[in-house]
Amino acid sequence: MIKKIKSFIAEVRAEMQKVTWPTREELTGSTGVVLVTMFFLSAFIGVADFILSYALAVIMR
């Protein structure tokens, strides 16, 4: 059992060395895109929720 675990860890390390990690600039750019997209989508959903809630309140009166 211990031998299998050691083998697994060695294989994981070997695979992790094959990974092409993004540069700091690529990571910063991607993070910015994700944050801006999240902001706009959350704003859209918030506005849509407000409008639909208001419309439902008007209909229910």
N, C-alpha and C. Protein backbone atom coordinates (compact mmCIF):
# COMPACT_ATOMS: atom_id res chain seq x y z
N MET A 1 0.82 -1.19 0.00
CA MET A 1 0.00 0.00 0.00
C MET A 1 0.87 1.26 0.00
N ILE A 2 1.89 1.30 0.83
CA ILE A 2 2.79 2.45 0.91
C ILE A 2 3.51 2.64 -0.42
N LYS A 3 3.86 1.52 -1.05
CA LYS A 3 4.57 1.58 -2.33
C LYS A 3 3.70 2.25 -3.40
N LYS A 4 2.39 1.95 -3.40
CA LYS A 4 1.47 2.55 -4.36
C LYS A 4 1.34 4.05 -4.12
N ILE A 5 1.30 4.43 -2.85
CA ILE A 5 1.18 5.86 -2.52
C ILE A 5 2.42 6.62 -2.97
N LYS A 6 3.60 6.05 -2.72
CA LYS A 6 4.85 6.68 -3.15
C LYS A 6 4.91 6.80 -4.67
N SER A 7 4.47 5.76 -5.34
CA SER A 7 4.44 5.76 -6.80
C SER A 7 3.49 6.84 -7.31
N PHE A 8 2.33 6.95 -6.69
CA PHE A 8 1.35 7.96 -7.09
C PHE A 8 1.94 9.37 -6.91
N ILE A 9 2.55 9.63 -5.78
CA ILE A 9 3.13 10.95 -5.52
C ILE A 9 4.23 11.26 -6.52
N ALA A 10 5.06 10.28 -6.85
CA ALA A 10 6.12 10.49 -7.83
C ALA A 10 5.53 10.80 -9.20
N GLU A 11 4.46 10.12 -9.58
CA GLU A 11 3.82 10.38 -10.86
C GLU A 11 3.18 11.77 -10.89
N VAL A 12 2.59 12.16 -9.79
CA VAL A 12 1.98 13.49 -9.71
C VAL A 12 3.06 14.56 -9.87
N ARG A 13 4.17 14.39 -9.18
CA ARG A 13 5.28 15.36 -9.31
C ARG A 13 5.77 15.44 -10.74
N ALA A 14 5.90 14.31 -11.39
CA ALA A 14 6.38 14.29 -12.78
C ALA A 14 5.39 15.02 -13.69
N GLU A 15 4.10 14.82 -13.49
CA GLU A 15 3.09 15.49 -14.31
C GLU A 15 3.06 16.99 -14.03
N MET A 16 3.23 17.37 -12.77
CA MET A 16 3.21 18.79 -12.42
C MET A 16 4.38 19.54 -13.06
N GLN A 17 5.49 18.87 -13.29
CA GLN A 17 6.63 19.51 -13.95
C GLN A 17 6.38 19.70 -15.44
N LYS A 18 5.44 18.97 -16.01
CA LYS A 18 5.11 19.10 -17.43
C LYS A 18 4.14 20.25 -17.69
N VAL A 19 3.52 20.75 -16.64
CA VAL A 19 2.51 21.80 -16.78
C VAL A 19 3.17 23.10 -17.20
N THR A 20 2.53 23.79 -18.15
CA THR A 20 3.00 25.11 -18.56
C THR A 20 2.19 26.12 -17.75
N TRP A 21 2.83 26.73 -16.76
CA TRP A 21 2.15 27.67 -15.89
C TRP A 21 2.09 29.04 -16.55
N PRO A 22 1.01 29.80 -16.33
CA PRO A 22 0.91 31.13 -16.94
C PRO A 22 1.88 32.11 -16.29
N THR A 23 2.27 33.11 -17.07
CA THR A 23 3.13 34.15 -16.51
C THR A 23 2.28 35.06 -15.61
N ARG A 24 2.95 35.89 -14.85
CA ARG A 24 2.23 36.81 -13.96
C ARG A 24 1.32 37.73 -14.76
N GLU A 25 1.79 38.19 -15.92
CA GLU A 25 0.99 39.09 -16.75
C GLU A 25 -0.26 38.38 -17.28
N GLU A 26 -0.11 37.14 -17.73
CA GLU A 26 -1.26 36.37 -18.22
C GLU A 26 -2.26 36.13 -17.10
N LEU A 27 -1.75 35.80 -15.93
CA LEU A 27 -2.62 35.54 -14.79
C LEU A 27 -3.36 36.80 -14.36
N THR A 28 -2.66 37.93 -14.34
CA THR A 28 -3.28 39.20 -13.97
C THR A 28 -4.36 39.58 -14.98
N GLY A 29 -4.06 39.42 -16.27
CA GLY A 29 -5.04 39.74 -17.30
C GLY A 29 -6.28 38.86 -17.22
N SER A 30 -6.08 37.58 -17.03
CA SER A 30 -7.22 36.66 -16.92
C SER A 30 -8.05 36.96 -15.68
N THR A 31 -7.39 37.26 -14.58
CA THR A 31 -8.10 37.60 -13.35
C THR A 31 -8.93 38.86 -13.55
N GLY A 32 -8.38 39.85 -14.23
CA GLY A 32 -9.11 41.08 -14.51
C GLY A 32 -10.35 40.83 -15.34
N VAL A 33 -10.22 39.99 -16.36
CA VAL A 33 -11.36 39.65 -17.21
C VAL A 33 -12.44 38.97 -16.39
N VAL A 34 -12.06 38.05 -15.54
CA VAL A 34 -13.03 37.33 -14.70
C VAL A 34 -13.74 38.30 -13.75
N LEU A 35 -12.99 39.19 -13.11
CA LEU A 35 -13.60 40.14 -12.16
C LEU A 35 -14.55 41.10 -12.85
N VAL A 36 -14.17 41.62 -14.02
CA VAL A 36 -15.03 42.54 -14.75
C VAL A 36 -16.30 41.81 -15.21
N THR A 37 -16.14 40.59 -15.71
CA THR A 37 -17.30 39.81 -16.15
C THR A 37 -18.23 39.53 -14.97
N MET A 38 -17.67 39.17 -13.82
CA MET A 38 -18.49 38.91 -12.64
C MET A 38 -19.25 40.17 -12.23
N PHE A 39 -18.59 41.32 -12.28
CA PHE A 39 -19.23 42.57 -11.89
C PHE A 39 -20.43 42.87 -12.79
N PHE A 40 -20.22 42.78 -14.11
CA PHE A 40 -21.31 43.09 -15.03
C PHE A 40 -22.46 42.08 -14.94
N LEU A 41 -22.13 40.81 -14.80
CA LEU A 41 -23.20 39.81 -14.68
C LEU A 41 -23.97 39.98 -13.37
N SER A 42 -23.28 40.27 -12.28
CA SER A 42 -23.99 40.47 -11.02
C SER A 42 -24.84 41.73 -11.07
N ALA A 43 -24.35 42.79 -11.72
CA ALA A 43 -25.15 44.01 -11.87
C ALA A 43 -26.39 43.72 -12.73
N PHE A 44 -26.21 43.00 -13.81
CA PHE A 44 -27.34 42.65 -14.68
C PHE A 44 -28.38 41.84 -13.93
N ILE A 45 -27.93 40.83 -13.20
CA ILE A 45 -28.87 39.98 -12.45
C ILE A 45 -29.56 40.79 -11.36
N GLY A 46 -28.83 41.68 -10.70
CA GLY A 46 -29.44 42.53 -9.67
C GLY A 46 -30.50 43.44 -10.24
N VAL A 47 -30.21 44.08 -11.37
CA VAL A 47 -31.19 44.97 -12.01
C VAL A 47 -32.40 44.17 -12.50
N ALA A 48 -32.16 43.02 -13.11
CA ALA A 48 -33.26 42.17 -13.58
C ALA A 48 -34.13 41.73 -12.41
N ASP A 49 -33.51 41.36 -11.31
CA ASP A 49 -34.26 40.94 -10.12
C ASP A 49 -35.11 42.10 -9.60
N PHE A 50 -34.53 43.28 -9.53
CA PHE A 50 -35.27 44.44 -9.05
C PHE A 50 -36.47 44.74 -9.94
N ILE A 51 -36.25 44.73 -11.24
CA ILE A 51 -37.34 45.02 -12.19
C ILE A 51 -38.44 43.96 -12.11
N LEU A 52 -38.05 42.71 -12.09
CA LEU A 52 -39.06 41.64 -12.02
C LEU A 52 -39.80 41.66 -10.68
N SER A 53 -39.09 41.95 -9.59
CA SER A 53 -39.75 42.05 -8.28
C SER A 53 -40.76 43.19 -8.28
N TYR A 54 -40.36 44.33 -8.84
CA TYR A 54 -41.25 45.49 -8.91
C TYR A 54 -42.47 45.17 -9.78
N ALA A 55 -42.24 44.54 -10.92
CA ALA A 55 -43.35 44.19 -11.82
C ALA A 55 -44.30 43.22 -11.14
N LEU A 56 -43.78 42.25 -10.42
CA LEU A 56 -44.62 41.30 -9.71
C LEU A 56 -45.42 41.99 -8.61
N ALA A 57 -44.81 42.93 -7.91
CA ALA A 57 -45.51 43.67 -6.86
C ALA A 57 -46.65 44.49 -7.45
N VAL A 58 -46.42 45.09 -8.61
CA VAL A 58 -47.46 45.88 -9.27
C VAL A 58 -48.60 44.97 -9.71
N ILE A 59 -48.29 43.82 -10.24
CA ILE A 59 -49.31 42.87 -10.71
C ILE A 59 -50.12 42.34 -9.53
N MET A 60 -49.48 42.09 -8.40
CA MET A 60 -50.15 41.49 -7.25
C MET A 60 -51.06 42.47 -6.52
N ARG A 61 -50.94 43.77 -6.77
CA ARG A 61 -51.78 44.76 -6.08
C ARG A 61 -53.20 44.66 -6.48
